[in-house]
Amino acid sequence: MHATVDSALDPRTDALVGEWISLQEATERLGIKIGRTKQLLSERKLLAVRRDGAPAVPAAFIKDGEVIKGLPGTLTLLSDAGFDDLEMLRWLFTADDTLPGTPVDALAENRGTEVRRRAQAMAF
């Protein structure tokens, strides 16, 4: 699965993210089939990493039955900037006083423009 890293999730990133859900639970929350969830991962519209040997998705990435608005574009920008999956998670879940809050919180609150502006600035 392209968007799932095989490296172990480090404790720091695990703690930053907080709540994790299984791929099956993500599928249920999105109200889609598992094949579509895997497609979202391979298209980098959703991100999962291996946690305790199984793919896990940050619960914050899904709100009201949908992937939070702006997440796919932000993942693309971070990937284009050379971030790996764990670095993307750290960036998305690390507080930024200029937002305020974390980038993932800002996305969930429909403040994606500010998040993408910061992600683009890092790409150059």
PDB file of N, CA and C in Angstrom:
ATOM      1  N   MET A   1       0.860  -1.170   0.000  1.00  0.00           N
ATOM      2  CA  MET A   1       0.000   0.000   0.000  1.00  0.00           C
ATOM      3  C   MET A   1       0.902   1.227   0.000  1.00  0.00           C
ATOM      4  N   HIS A   2       0.842   2.026  -1.003  1.00  0.00           N
ATOM      5  CA  HIS A   2       1.751   3.150  -1.221  1.00  0.00           C
ATOM      6  C   HIS A   2       1.818   4.109  -0.041  1.00  0.00           C
ATOM      7  N   ALA A   3       0.696   4.500   0.506  1.00  0.00           N
ATOM      8  CA  ALA A   3       0.689   5.560   1.512  1.00  0.00           C
ATOM      9  C   ALA A   3       0.826   5.038   2.942  1.00  0.00           C
ATOM     10  N   THR A   4       1.173   3.797   3.099  1.00  0.00           N
ATOM     11  CA  THR A   4       1.395   3.261   4.429  1.00  0.00           C
ATOM     12  C   THR A   4       2.873   2.940   4.562  1.00  0.00           C
ATOM     13  N   VAL A   5       3.538   3.575   5.513  1.00  0.00           N
ATOM     14  CA  VAL A   5       4.962   3.312   5.696  1.00  0.00           C
ATOM     15  C   VAL A   5       5.164   2.027   6.465  1.00  0.00           C
ATOM     16  N   ASP A   6       6.266   1.382   6.202  1.00  0.00           N
ATOM     17  CA  ASP A   6       6.577   0.145   6.897  1.00  0.00           C
ATOM     18  C   ASP A   6       7.438   0.383   8.127  1.00  0.00           C
ATOM     19  N   SER A   7       7.993   1.591   8.235  1.00  0.00           N
ATOM     20  CA  SER A   7       8.822   1.872   9.406  1.00  0.00           C
ATOM     21  C   SER A   7       7.938   2.001  10.640  1.00  0.00           C
ATOM     22  N   ALA A   8       8.551   1.745  11.775  1.00  0.00           N
ATOM     23  CA  ALA A   8       7.806   1.798  13.029  1.00  0.00           C
ATOM     24  C   ALA A   8       7.437   3.238  13.369  1.00  0.00           C
ATOM     25  N   LEU A   9       6.260   3.395  13.877  1.00  0.00           N
ATOM     26  CA  LEU A   9       5.788   4.697  14.333  1.00  0.00           C
ATOM     27  C   LEU A   9       6.525   5.035  15.617  1.00  0.00           C
ATOM     28  N   ASP A  10       7.153   6.203  15.650  1.00  0.00           N
ATOM     29  CA  ASP A  10       7.900   6.566  16.849  1.00  0.00           C
ATOM     30  C   ASP A  10       6.941   7.100  17.915  1.00  0.00           C
ATOM     31  N   PRO A  11       7.321   6.967  19.194  1.00  0.00           N
ATOM     32  CA  PRO A  11       6.440   7.389  20.297  1.00  0.00           C
ATOM     33  C   PRO A  11       6.057   8.869  20.229  1.00  0.00           C
ATOM     34  N   ARG A  12       6.974   9.724  19.787  1.00  0.00           N
ATOM     35  CA  ARG A  12       6.693  11.163  19.721  1.00  0.00           C
ATOM     36  C   ARG A  12       5.551  11.457  18.746  1.00  0.00           C
ATOM     37  N   THR A  13       5.632  10.864  17.553  1.00  0.00           N
ATOM     38  CA  THR A  13       4.586  11.079  16.558  1.00  0.00           C
ATOM     39  C   THR A  13       3.284  10.448  17.005  1.00  0.00           C
ATOM     40  N   ASP A  14       3.371   9.263  17.585  1.00  0.00           N
ATOM     41  CA  ASP A  14       2.196   8.570  18.102  1.00  0.00           C
ATOM     42  C   ASP A  14       1.470   9.463  19.118  1.00  0.00           C
ATOM     43  N   ALA A  15       2.220  10.070  20.026  1.00  0.00           N
ATOM     44  CA  ALA A  15       1.634  10.922  21.058  1.00  0.00           C
ATOM     45  C   ALA A  15       1.054  12.211  20.464  1.00  0.00           C
ATOM     46  N   LEU A  16       1.730  12.777  19.462  1.00  0.00           N
ATOM     47  CA  LEU A  16       1.223  13.994  18.822  1.00  0.00           C
ATOM     48  C   LEU A  16      -0.152  13.760  18.207  1.00  0.00           C
ATOM     49  N   VAL A  17      -0.283  12.638  17.501  1.00  0.00           N
ATOM     50  CA  VAL A  17      -1.537  12.335  16.808  1.00  0.00           C
ATOM     51  C   VAL A  17      -2.650  12.061  17.809  1.00  0.00           C
ATOM     52  N   GLY A  18      -2.333  11.309  18.854  1.00  0.00           N
ATOM     53  CA  GLY A  18      -3.349  11.012  19.858  1.00  0.00           C
ATOM     54  C   GLY A  18      -4.245   9.862  19.464  1.00  0.00           C
ATOM     55  N   GLU A  19      -5.435  10.158  18.951  1.00  0.00           N
ATOM     56  CA  GLU A  19      -6.403   9.103  18.644  1.00  0.00           C
ATOM     57  C   GLU A  19      -6.202   8.532  17.248  1.00  0.00           C
ATOM     58  N   TRP A  20      -6.066   7.232  17.206  1.00  0.00           N
ATOM     59  CA  TRP A  20      -5.891   6.494  15.952  1.00  0.00           C
ATOM     60  C   TRP A  20      -7.091   5.587  15.727  1.00  0.00           C
ATOM     61  N   ILE A  21      -7.399   5.317  14.465  1.00  0.00           N
ATOM     62  CA  ILE A  21      -8.438   4.339  14.139  1.00  0.00           C
ATOM     63  C   ILE A  21      -7.881   3.362  13.109  1.00  0.00           C
ATOM     64  N   SER A  22      -8.427   2.162  13.120  1.00  0.00           N
ATOM     65  CA  SER A  22      -8.001   1.147  12.162  1.00  0.00           C
ATOM     66  C   SER A  22      -8.503   1.515  10.769  1.00  0.00           C
ATOM     67  N   LEU A  23      -7.938   0.859   9.768  1.00  0.00           N
ATOM     68  CA  LEU A  23      -8.402   1.061   8.393  1.00  0.00           C
ATOM     69  C   LEU A  23      -9.883   0.699   8.277  1.00  0.00           C
ATOM     70  N   GLN A  24     -10.282  -0.377   8.964  1.00  0.00           N
ATOM     71  CA  GLN A  24     -11.683  -0.794   8.937  1.00  0.00           C
ATOM     72  C   GLN A  24     -12.583   0.276   9.555  1.00  0.00           C
ATOM     73  N   GLU A  25     -12.154   0.846  10.671  1.00  0.00           N
ATOM     74  CA  GLU A  25     -12.963   1.880  11.306  1.00  0.00           C
ATOM     75  C   GLU A  25     -13.027   3.136  10.437  1.00  0.00           C
ATOM     76  N   ALA A  26     -11.911   3.479   9.795  1.00  0.00           N
ATOM     77  CA  ALA A  26     -11.909   4.628   8.882  1.00  0.00           C
ATOM     78  C   ALA A  26     -12.907   4.394   7.758  1.00  0.00           C
ATOM     79  N   THR A  27     -12.909   3.175   7.235  1.00  0.00           N
ATOM     80  CA  THR A  27     -13.836   2.808   6.168  1.00  0.00           C
ATOM     81  C   THR A  27     -15.282   2.967   6.633  1.00  0.00           C
ATOM     82  N   GLU A  28     -15.557   2.494   7.837  1.00  0.00           N
ATOM     83  CA  GLU A  28     -16.918   2.602   8.389  1.00  0.00           C
ATOM     84  C   GLU A  28     -17.322   4.057   8.614  1.00  0.00           C
ATOM     85  N   ARG A  29     -16.390   4.863   9.150  1.00  0.00           N
ATOM     86  CA  ARG A  29     -16.701   6.276   9.394  1.00  0.00           C
ATOM     87  C   ARG A  29     -16.955   7.033   8.092  1.00  0.00           C
ATOM     88  N   LEU A  30     -16.267   6.604   7.027  1.00  0.00           N
ATOM     89  CA  LEU A  30     -16.453   7.249   5.727  1.00  0.00           C
ATOM     90  C   LEU A  30     -17.665   6.698   4.977  1.00  0.00           C
ATOM     91  N   GLY A  31     -18.169   5.548   5.428  1.00  0.00           N
ATOM     92  CA  GLY A  31     -19.335   4.950   4.786  1.00  0.00           C
ATOM     93  C   GLY A  31     -19.044   4.442   3.383  1.00  0.00           C
ATOM     94  N   ILE A  32     -17.820   3.910   3.206  1.00  0.00           N
ATOM     95  CA  ILE A  32     -17.408   3.404   1.897  1.00  0.00           C
ATOM     96  C   ILE A  32     -16.899   1.976   2.045  1.00  0.00           C
ATOM     97  N   LYS A  33     -16.504   1.367   0.936  1.00  0.00           N
ATOM     98  CA  LYS A  33     -15.948   0.021   0.968  1.00  0.00           C
ATOM     99  C   LYS A  33     -14.442   0.109   1.211  1.00  0.00           C
ATOM    100  N   ILE A  34     -13.863  -0.971   1.769  1.00  0.00           N
ATOM    101  CA  ILE A  34     -12.436  -1.002   2.094  1.00  0.00           C
ATOM    102  C   ILE A  34     -11.577  -0.726   0.858  1.00  0.00           C
ATOM    103  N   GLY A  35     -12.011  -1.191  -0.303  1.00  0.00           N
ATOM    104  CA  GLY A  35     -11.264  -0.941  -1.537  1.00  0.00           C
ATOM    105  C   GLY A  35     -11.151   0.549  -1.838  1.00  0.00           C
ATOM    106  N   ARG A  36     -12.218   1.288  -1.564  1.00  0.00           N
ATOM    107  CA  ARG A  36     -12.191   2.733  -1.791  1.00  0.00           C
ATOM    108  C   ARG A  36     -11.268   3.412  -0.786  1.00  0.00           C
ATOM    109  N   THR A  37     -11.246   2.931   0.446  1.00  0.00           N
ATOM    110  CA  THR A  37     -10.338   3.490   1.454  1.00  0.00           C
ATOM    111  C   THR A  37      -8.896   3.281   1.011  1.00  0.00           C
ATOM    112  N   LYS A  38      -8.580   2.093   0.527  1.00  0.00           N
ATOM    113  CA  LYS A  38      -7.223   1.817   0.043  1.00  0.00           C
ATOM    114  C   LYS A  38      -6.880   2.700  -1.150  1.00  0.00           C
ATOM    115  N   GLN A  39      -7.881   2.980  -1.986  1.00  0.00           N
ATOM    116  CA  GLN A  39      -7.667   3.881  -3.118  1.00  0.00           C
ATOM    117  C   GLN A  39      -7.355   5.305  -2.632  1.00  0.00           C
ATOM    118  N   LEU A  40      -8.077   5.762  -1.617  1.00  0.00           N
ATOM    119  CA  LEU A  40      -7.793   7.087  -1.040  1.00  0.00           C
ATOM    120  C   LEU A  40      -6.357   7.146  -0.521  1.00  0.00           C
ATOM    121  N   LEU A  41      -5.888   6.059   0.079  1.00  0.00           N
ATOM    122  CA  LEU A  41      -4.514   6.000   0.568  1.00  0.00           C
ATOM    123  C   LEU A  41      -3.520   6.036  -0.591  1.00  0.00           C
ATOM    124  N   SER A  42      -3.771   5.237  -1.611  1.00  0.00           N
ATOM    125  CA  SER A  42      -2.823   5.180  -2.733  1.00  0.00           C
ATOM    126  C   SER A  42      -2.801   6.490  -3.516  1.00  0.00           C
ATOM    127  N   GLU A  43      -3.931   7.205  -3.522  1.00  0.00           N
ATOM    128  CA  GLU A  43      -3.994   8.505  -4.204  1.00  0.00           C
ATOM    129  C   GLU A  43      -3.510   9.637  -3.290  1.00  0.00           C
ATOM    130  N   ARG A  44      -3.110   9.290  -2.092  1.00  0.00           N
ATOM    131  CA  ARG A  44      -2.625  10.234  -1.076  1.00  0.00           C
ATOM    132  C   ARG A  44      -3.668  11.294  -0.727  1.00  0.00           C
ATOM    133  N   LYS A  45      -4.917  10.855  -0.667  1.00  0.00           N
ATOM    134  CA  LYS A  45      -5.999  11.728  -0.204  1.00  0.00           C
ATOM    135  C   LYS A  45      -6.269  11.483   1.276  1.00  0.00           C
ATOM    136  N   LEU A  46      -5.648  10.420   1.780  1.00  0.00           N
ATOM    137  CA  LEU A  46      -5.738  10.021   3.179  1.00  0.00           C
ATOM    138  C   LEU A  46      -4.398   9.397   3.519  1.00  0.00           C
ATOM    139  N   LEU A  47      -4.013   9.441   4.772  1.00  0.00           N
ATOM    140  CA  LEU A  47      -2.712   8.925   5.174  1.00  0.00           C
ATOM    141  C   LEU A  47      -2.877   7.915   6.305  1.00  0.00           C
ATOM    142  N   ALA A  48      -2.173   6.802   6.171  1.00  0.00           N
ATOM    143  CA  ALA A  48      -2.135   5.785   7.220  1.00  0.00           C
ATOM    144  C   ALA A  48      -0.686   5.380   7.422  1.00  0.00           C
ATOM    145  N   VAL A  49      -0.355   5.001   8.636  1.00  0.00           N
ATOM    146  CA  VAL A  49       0.971   4.466   8.934  1.00  0.00           C
ATOM    147  C   VAL A  49       0.794   3.185   9.734  1.00  0.00           C
ATOM    148  N   ARG A  50       1.848   2.384   9.779  1.00  0.00           N
ATOM    149  CA  ARG A  50       1.788   1.151  10.561  1.00  0.00           C
ATOM    150  C   ARG A  50       1.933   1.486  12.035  1.00  0.00           C
ATOM    151  N   ARG A  51       0.971   1.009  12.782  1.00  0.00           N
ATOM    152  CA  ARG A  51       0.984   1.210  14.236  1.00  0.00           C
ATOM    153  C   ARG A  51       0.649  -0.135  14.851  1.00  0.00           C
ATOM    154  N   ASP A  52       1.534  -0.645  15.678  1.00  0.00           N
ATOM    155  CA  ASP A  52       1.364  -1.984  16.244  1.00  0.00           C
ATOM    156  C   ASP A  52       1.150  -3.024  15.156  1.00  0.00           C
ATOM    157  N   GLY A  53       1.842  -2.852  14.028  1.00  0.00           N
ATOM    158  CA  GLY A  53       1.816  -3.837  12.948  1.00  0.00           C
ATOM    159  C   GLY A  53       0.687  -3.705  11.954  1.00  0.00           C
ATOM    160  N   ALA A  54      -0.265  -2.838  12.214  1.00  0.00           N
ATOM    161  CA  ALA A  54      -1.418  -2.710  11.312  1.00  0.00           C
ATOM    162  C   ALA A  54      -1.575  -1.247  10.875  1.00  0.00           C
ATOM    163  N   PRO A  55      -2.097  -1.027   9.659  1.00  0.00           N
ATOM    164  CA  PRO A  55      -2.315   0.350   9.214  1.00  0.00           C
ATOM    165  C   PRO A  55      -3.302   1.075  10.132  1.00  0.00           C
ATOM    166  N   ALA A  56      -2.957   2.313  10.475  1.00  0.00           N
ATOM    167  CA  ALA A  56      -3.824   3.132  11.318  1.00  0.00           C
ATOM    168  C   ALA A  56      -3.905   4.534  10.727  1.00  0.00           C
ATOM    169  N   VAL A  57      -5.064   5.141  10.897  1.00  0.00           N
ATOM    170  CA  VAL A  57      -5.344   6.472  10.372  1.00  0.00           C
ATOM    171  C   VAL A  57      -5.606   7.401  11.565  1.00  0.00           C
ATOM    172  N   PRO A  58      -5.039   8.609  11.552  1.00  0.00           N
ATOM    173  CA  PRO A  58      -5.399   9.549  12.616  1.00  0.00           C
ATOM    174  C   PRO A  58      -6.904   9.828  12.579  1.00  0.00           C
ATOM    175  N   ALA A  59      -7.572   9.689  13.714  1.00  0.00           N
ATOM    176  CA  ALA A  59      -9.023   9.903  13.776  1.00  0.00           C
ATOM    177  C   ALA A  59      -9.386  11.321  13.327  1.00  0.00           C
ATOM    178  N   ALA A  60      -8.497  12.278  13.564  1.00  0.00           N
ATOM    179  CA  ALA A  60      -8.768  13.679  13.213  1.00  0.00           C
ATOM    180  C   ALA A  60      -8.903  13.905  11.711  1.00  0.00           C
ATOM    181  N   PHE A  61      -8.457  12.947  10.896  1.00  0.00           N
ATOM    182  CA  PHE A  61      -8.537  13.101   9.439  1.00  0.00           C
ATOM    183  C   PHE A  61      -9.948  12.900   8.901  1.00  0.00           C
ATOM    184  N   ILE A  62     -10.841  12.348   9.734  1.00  0.00           N
ATOM    185  CA  ILE A  62     -12.214  12.083   9.285  1.00  0.00           C
ATOM    186  C   ILE A  62     -13.179  12.826  10.197  1.00  0.00           C
ATOM    187  N   LYS A  63     -14.035  13.629   9.591  1.00  0.00           N
ATOM    188  CA  LYS A  63     -15.008  14.414  10.358  1.00  0.00           C
ATOM    189  C   LYS A  63     -16.334  14.383   9.605  1.00  0.00           C
ATOM    190  N   ASP A  64     -17.396  14.116  10.331  1.00  0.00           N
ATOM    191  CA  ASP A  64     -18.742  14.089   9.757  1.00  0.00           C
ATOM    192  C   ASP A  64     -18.825  13.180   8.522  1.00  0.00           C
ATOM    193  N   GLY A  65     -18.169  12.013   8.612  1.00  0.00           N
ATOM    194  CA  GLY A  65     -18.256  11.027   7.544  1.00  0.00           C
ATOM    195  C   GLY A  65     -17.446  11.331   6.298  1.00  0.00           C
ATOM    196  N   GLU A  66     -16.528  12.300   6.377  1.00  0.00           N
ATOM    197  CA  GLU A  66     -15.707  12.654   5.218  1.00  0.00           C
ATOM    198  C   GLU A  66     -14.274  12.932   5.648  1.00  0.00           C
ATOM    199  N   VAL A  67     -13.352  12.788   4.673  1.00  0.00           N
ATOM    200  CA  VAL A  67     -11.979  13.219   4.910  1.00  0.00           C
ATOM    201  C   VAL A  67     -12.041  14.738   5.068  1.00  0.00           C
ATOM    202  N   ILE A  68     -11.336  15.284   6.071  1.00  0.00           N
ATOM    203  CA  ILE A  68     -11.435  16.723   6.309  1.00  0.00           C
ATOM    204  C   ILE A  68     -10.999  17.506   5.064  1.00  0.00           C
ATOM    205  N   LYS A  69     -11.744  18.562   4.814  1.00  0.00           N
ATOM    206  CA  LYS A  69     -11.499  19.404   3.653  1.00  0.00           C
ATOM    207  C   LYS A  69     -10.072  19.955   3.695  1.00  0.00           C
ATOM    208  N   GLY A  70      -9.404  19.885   2.584  1.00  0.00           N
ATOM    209  CA  GLY A  70      -8.061  20.429   2.485  1.00  0.00           C
ATOM    210  C   GLY A  70      -6.950  19.440   2.790  1.00  0.00           C
ATOM    211  N   LEU A  71      -7.282  18.298   3.397  1.00  0.00           N
ATOM    212  CA  LEU A  71      -6.237  17.329   3.725  1.00  0.00           C
ATOM    213  C   LEU A  71      -5.542  16.780   2.475  1.00  0.00           C
ATOM    214  N   PRO A  72      -6.288  16.334   1.449  1.00  0.00           N
ATOM    215  CA  PRO A  72      -5.604  15.786   0.270  1.00  0.00           C
ATOM    216  C   PRO A  72      -4.606  16.765  -0.362  1.00  0.00           C
ATOM    217  N   GLY A  73      -5.013  18.016  -0.530  1.00  0.00           N
ATOM    218  CA  GLY A  73      -4.118  19.001  -1.129  1.00  0.00           C
ATOM    219  C   GLY A  73      -2.910  19.286  -0.250  1.00  0.00           C
ATOM    220  N   THR A  74      -3.127  19.311   1.047  1.00  0.00           N
ATOM    221  CA  THR A  74      -2.026  19.551   1.978  1.00  0.00           C
ATOM    222  C   THR A  74      -1.044  18.391   1.954  1.00  0.00           C
ATOM    223  N   LEU A  75      -1.551  17.154   1.907  1.00  0.00           N
ATOM    224  CA  LEU A  75      -0.664  15.993   1.816  1.00  0.00           C
ATOM    225  C   LEU A  75       0.168  16.053   0.544  1.00  0.00           C
ATOM    226  N   THR A  76      -0.443  16.468  -0.553  1.00  0.00           N
ATOM    227  CA  THR A  76       0.287  16.594  -1.821  1.00  0.00           C
ATOM    228  C   THR A  76       1.391  17.635  -1.707  1.00  0.00           C
ATOM    229  N   LEU A  77       1.067  18.797  -1.145  1.00  0.00           N
ATOM    230  CA  LEU A  77       2.072  19.853  -0.979  1.00  0.00           C
ATOM    231  C   LEU A  77       3.243  19.378  -0.117  1.00  0.00           C
ATOM    232  N   LEU A  78       2.937  18.721   0.995  1.00  0.00           N
ATOM    233  CA  LEU A  78       3.997  18.247   1.884  1.00  0.00           C
ATOM    234  C   LEU A  78       4.840  17.163   1.209  1.00  0.00           C
ATOM    235  N   SER A  79       4.191  16.281   0.467  1.00  0.00           N
ATOM    236  CA  SER A  79       4.904  15.239  -0.257  1.00  0.00           C
ATOM    237  C   SER A  79       5.827  15.858  -1.306  1.00  0.00           C
ATOM    238  N   ASP A  80       5.311  16.847  -2.025  1.00  0.00           N
ATOM    239  CA  ASP A  80       6.116  17.533  -3.038  1.00  0.00           C
ATOM    240  C   ASP A  80       7.298  18.265  -2.410  1.00  0.00           C
ATOM    241  N   ALA A  81       7.150  18.670  -1.145  1.00  0.00           N
ATOM    242  CA  ALA A  81       8.230  19.354  -0.421  1.00  0.00           C
ATOM    243  C   ALA A  81       9.263  18.361   0.119  1.00  0.00           C
ATOM    244  N   GLY A  82       9.022  17.054  -0.100  1.00  0.00           N
ATOM    245  CA  GLY A  82       9.982  16.042   0.307  1.00  0.00           C
ATOM    246  C   GLY A  82       9.716  15.410   1.661  1.00  0.00           C
ATOM    247  N   PHE A  83       8.558  15.698   2.245  1.00  0.00           N
ATOM    248  CA  PHE A  83       8.217  15.104   3.536  1.00  0.00           C
ATOM    249  C   PHE A  83       7.844  13.640   3.357  1.00  0.00           C
ATOM    250  N   ASP A  84       8.288  12.782   4.284  1.00  0.00           N
ATOM    251  CA  ASP A  84       7.793  11.403   4.275  1.00  0.00           C
ATOM    252  C   ASP A  84       6.533  11.363   5.141  1.00  0.00           C
ATOM    253  N   ASP A  85       5.904  10.217   5.226  1.00  0.00           N
ATOM    254  CA  ASP A  85       4.618  10.113   5.922  1.00  0.00           C
ATOM    255  C   ASP A  85       4.704  10.542   7.391  1.00  0.00           C
ATOM    256  N   LEU A  86       5.752  10.102   8.084  1.00  0.00           N
ATOM    257  CA  LEU A  86       5.878  10.453   9.498  1.00  0.00           C
ATOM    258  C   LEU A  86       6.138  11.948   9.664  1.00  0.00           C
ATOM    259  N   GLU A  87       6.933  12.537   8.785  1.00  0.00           N
ATOM    260  CA  GLU A  87       7.183  13.979   8.849  1.00  0.00           C
ATOM    261  C   GLU A  87       5.898  14.762   8.590  1.00  0.00           C
ATOM    262  N   MET A  88       5.079  14.263   7.666  1.00  0.00           N
ATOM    263  CA  MET A  88       3.789  14.913   7.402  1.00  0.00           C
ATOM    264  C   MET A  88       2.918  14.890   8.653  1.00  0.00           C
ATOM    265  N   LEU A  89       2.857  13.738   9.309  1.00  0.00           N
ATOM    266  CA  LEU A  89       2.050  13.626  10.522  1.00  0.00           C
ATOM    267  C   LEU A  89       2.554  14.579  11.597  1.00  0.00           C
ATOM    268  N   ARG A  90       3.881  14.627  11.781  1.00  0.00           N
ATOM    269  CA  ARG A  90       4.444  15.528  12.796  1.00  0.00           C
ATOM    270  C   ARG A  90       4.067  16.972  12.488  1.00  0.00           C
ATOM    271  N   TRP A  91       4.190  17.370  11.221  1.00  0.00           N
ATOM    272  CA  TRP A  91       3.878  18.749  10.841  1.00  0.00           C
ATOM    273  C   TRP A  91       2.390  19.050  11.053  1.00  0.00           C
ATOM    274  N   LEU A  92       1.534  18.135  10.617  1.00  0.00           N
ATOM    275  CA  LEU A  92       0.090  18.349  10.730  1.00  0.00           C
ATOM    276  C   LEU A  92      -0.397  18.422  12.174  1.00  0.00           C
ATOM    277  N   PHE A  93       0.274  17.717  13.090  1.00  0.00           N
ATOM    278  CA  PHE A  93      -0.184  17.633  14.473  1.00  0.00           C
ATOM    279  C   PHE A  93       0.670  18.440  15.456  1.00  0.00           C
ATOM    280  N   THR A  94       1.576  19.263  14.949  1.00  0.00           N
ATOM    281  CA  THR A  94       2.393  20.116  15.818  1.00  0.00           C
ATOM    282  C   THR A  94       1.791  21.514  15.861  1.00  0.00           C
ATOM    283  N   ALA A  95       1.595  22.022  17.075  1.00  0.00           N
ATOM    284  CA  ALA A  95       0.989  23.351  17.251  1.00  0.00           C
ATOM    285  C   ALA A  95       1.815  24.427  16.548  1.00  0.00           C
ATOM    286  N   ASP A  96       1.112  25.350  15.919  1.00  0.00           N
ATOM    287  CA  ASP A  96       1.716  26.487  15.228  1.00  0.00           C
ATOM    288  C   ASP A  96       1.032  27.738  15.773  1.00  0.00           C
ATOM    289  N   ASP A  97       1.773  28.538  16.521  1.00  0.00           N
ATOM    290  CA  ASP A  97       1.206  29.728  17.153  1.00  0.00           C
ATOM    291  C   ASP A  97       0.629  30.712  16.149  1.00  0.00           C
ATOM    292  N   THR A  98       1.111  30.669  14.908  1.00  0.00           N
ATOM    293  CA  THR A  98       0.611  31.613  13.911  1.00  0.00           C
ATOM    294  C   THR A  98      -0.735  31.202  13.331  1.00  0.00           C
ATOM    295  N   LEU A  99      -1.175  29.969  13.596  1.00  0.00           N
ATOM    296  CA  LEU A  99      -2.469  29.542  13.017  1.00  0.00           C
ATOM    297  C   LEU A  99      -3.693  30.043  13.798  1.00  0.00           C
ATOM    298  N   PRO A 100      -3.888  29.990  15.026  1.00  0.00           N
ATOM    299  CA  PRO A 100      -3.241  29.195  16.080  1.00  0.00           C
ATOM    300  C   PRO A 100      -3.758  27.760  16.072  1.00  0.00           C
ATOM    301  N   GLY A 101      -3.082  26.925  16.851  1.00  0.00           N
ATOM    302  CA  GLY A 101      -3.445  25.511  16.916  1.00  0.00           C
ATOM    303  C   GLY A 101      -2.582  24.686  15.990  1.00  0.00           C
ATOM    304  N   THR A 102      -3.025  23.481  15.709  1.00  0.00           N
ATOM    305  CA  THR A 102      -2.280  22.610  14.800  1.00  0.00           C
ATOM    306  C   THR A 102      -2.839  22.759  13.386  1.00  0.00           C
ATOM    307  N   PRO A 103      -2.025  22.456  12.370  1.00  0.00           N
ATOM    308  CA  PRO A 103      -2.549  22.490  11.002  1.00  0.00           C
ATOM    309  C   PRO A 103      -3.774  21.594  10.809  1.00  0.00           C
ATOM    310  N   VAL A 104      -3.792  20.411  11.444  1.00  0.00           N
ATOM    311  CA  VAL A 104      -4.945  19.524  11.269  1.00  0.00           C
ATOM    312  C   VAL A 104      -6.202  20.137  11.894  1.00  0.00           C
ATOM    313  N   ASP A 105      -6.049  20.839  13.025  1.00  0.00           N
ATOM    314  CA  ASP A 105      -7.196  21.540  13.617  1.00  0.00           C
ATOM    315  C   ASP A 105      -7.705  22.626  12.672  1.00  0.00           C
ATOM    316  N   ALA A 106      -6.773  23.359  12.087  1.00  0.00           N
ATOM    317  CA  ALA A 106      -7.154  24.429  11.161  1.00  0.00           C
ATOM    318  C   ALA A 106      -7.897  23.863   9.946  1.00  0.00           C
ATOM    319  N   LEU A 107      -7.438  22.726   9.428  1.00  0.00           N
ATOM    320  CA  LEU A 107      -8.137  22.091   8.304  1.00  0.00           C
ATOM    321  C   LEU A 107      -9.552  21.704   8.718  1.00  0.00           C
ATOM    322  N   ALA A 108      -9.684  21.111   9.901  1.00  0.00           N
ATOM    323  CA  ALA A 108     -10.993  20.671  10.388  1.00  0.00           C
ATOM    324  C   ALA A 108     -11.938  21.857  10.584  1.00  0.00           C
ATOM    325  N   GLU A 109     -11.362  23.032  10.844  1.00  0.00           N
ATOM    326  CA  GLU A 109     -12.160  24.246  11.048  1.00  0.00           C
ATOM    327  C   GLU A 109     -12.312  25.053   9.759  1.00  0.00           C
ATOM    328  N   ASN A 110     -11.994  24.413   8.630  1.00  0.00           N
ATOM    329  CA  ASN A 110     -12.139  25.039   7.310  1.00  0.00           C
ATOM    330  C   ASN A 110     -11.231  26.267   7.146  1.00  0.00           C
ATOM    331  N   ARG A 111     -10.044  26.194   7.730  1.00  0.00           N
ATOM    332  CA  ARG A 111      -9.046  27.250   7.567  1.00  0.00           C
ATOM    333  C   ARG A 111      -7.862  26.710   6.766  1.00  0.00           C
ATOM    334  N   GLY A 112      -8.184  25.981   5.712  1.00  0.00           N
ATOM    335  CA  GLY A 112      -7.163  25.309   4.913  1.00  0.00           C
ATOM    336  C   GLY A 112      -6.251  26.227   4.140  1.00  0.00           C
ATOM    337  N   THR A 113      -6.727  27.406   3.778  1.00  0.00           N
ATOM    338  CA  THR A 113      -5.896  28.329   3.009  1.00  0.00           C
ATOM    339  C   THR A 113      -4.624  28.671   3.774  1.00  0.00           C
ATOM    340  N   GLU A 114      -4.773  28.951   5.069  1.00  0.00           N
ATOM    341  CA  GLU A 114      -3.606  29.286   5.895  1.00  0.00           C
ATOM    342  C   GLU A 114      -2.653  28.097   6.014  1.00  0.00           C
ATOM    343  N   VAL A 115      -3.213  26.906   6.135  1.00  0.00           N
ATOM    344  CA  VAL A 115      -2.389  25.699   6.259  1.00  0.00           C
ATOM    345  C   VAL A 115      -1.602  25.484   4.972  1.00  0.00           C
ATOM    346  N   ARG A 116      -2.273  25.574   3.829  1.00  0.00           N
ATOM    347  CA  ARG A 116      -1.589  25.356   2.552  1.00  0.00           C
ATOM    348  C   ARG A 116      -0.540  26.436   2.293  1.00  0.00           C
ATOM    349  N   ARG A 117      -0.810  27.655   2.717  1.00  0.00           N
ATOM    350  CA  ARG A 117       0.169  28.738   2.559  1.00  0.00           C
ATOM    351  C   ARG A 117       1.464  28.372   3.297  1.00  0.00           C
ATOM    352  N   ARG A 118       1.333  27.835   4.510  1.00  0.00           N
ATOM    353  CA  ARG A 118       2.517  27.443   5.284  1.00  0.00           C
ATOM    354  C   ARG A 118       3.219  26.236   4.646  1.00  0.00           C
ATOM    355  N   ALA A 119       2.433  25.292   4.163  1.00  0.00           N
ATOM    356  CA  ALA A 119       3.018  24.119   3.514  1.00  0.00           C
ATOM    357  C   ALA A 119       3.752  24.525   2.239  1.00  0.00           C
ATOM    358  N   GLN A 120       3.181  25.435   1.477  1.00  0.00           N
ATOM    359  CA  GLN A 120       3.833  25.898   0.248  1.00  0.00           C
ATOM    360  C   GLN A 120       5.125  26.631   0.572  1.00  0.00           C
ATOM    361  N   ALA A 121       5.132  27.408   1.626  1.00  0.00           N
ATOM    362  CA  ALA A 121       6.340  28.154   2.004  1.00  0.00           C
ATOM    363  C   ALA A 121       7.490  27.209   2.327  1.00  0.00           C
ATOM    364  N   MET A 122       7.162  26.051   2.893  1.00  0.00           N
ATOM    365  CA  MET A 122       8.214  25.079   3.217  1.00  0.00           C
ATOM    366  C   MET A 122       8.744  24.381   1.970  1.00  0.00           C
ATOM    367  N   ALA A 123       7.952  24.369   0.906  1.00  0.00           N
ATOM    368  CA  ALA A 123       8.348  23.657  -0.307  1.00  0.00           C
ATOM    369  C   ALA A 123       9.404  24.415  -1.090  1.00  0.00           C
ATOM    370  N   PHE A 124       9.587  25.676  -0.771  1.00  0.00           N
ATOM    371  CA  PHE A 124      10.533  26.488  -1.562  1.00  0.00           C
ATOM    372  C   PHE A 124      11.706  26.975  -0.767  1.00  0.00           C
TER     373      PHE A 124
END
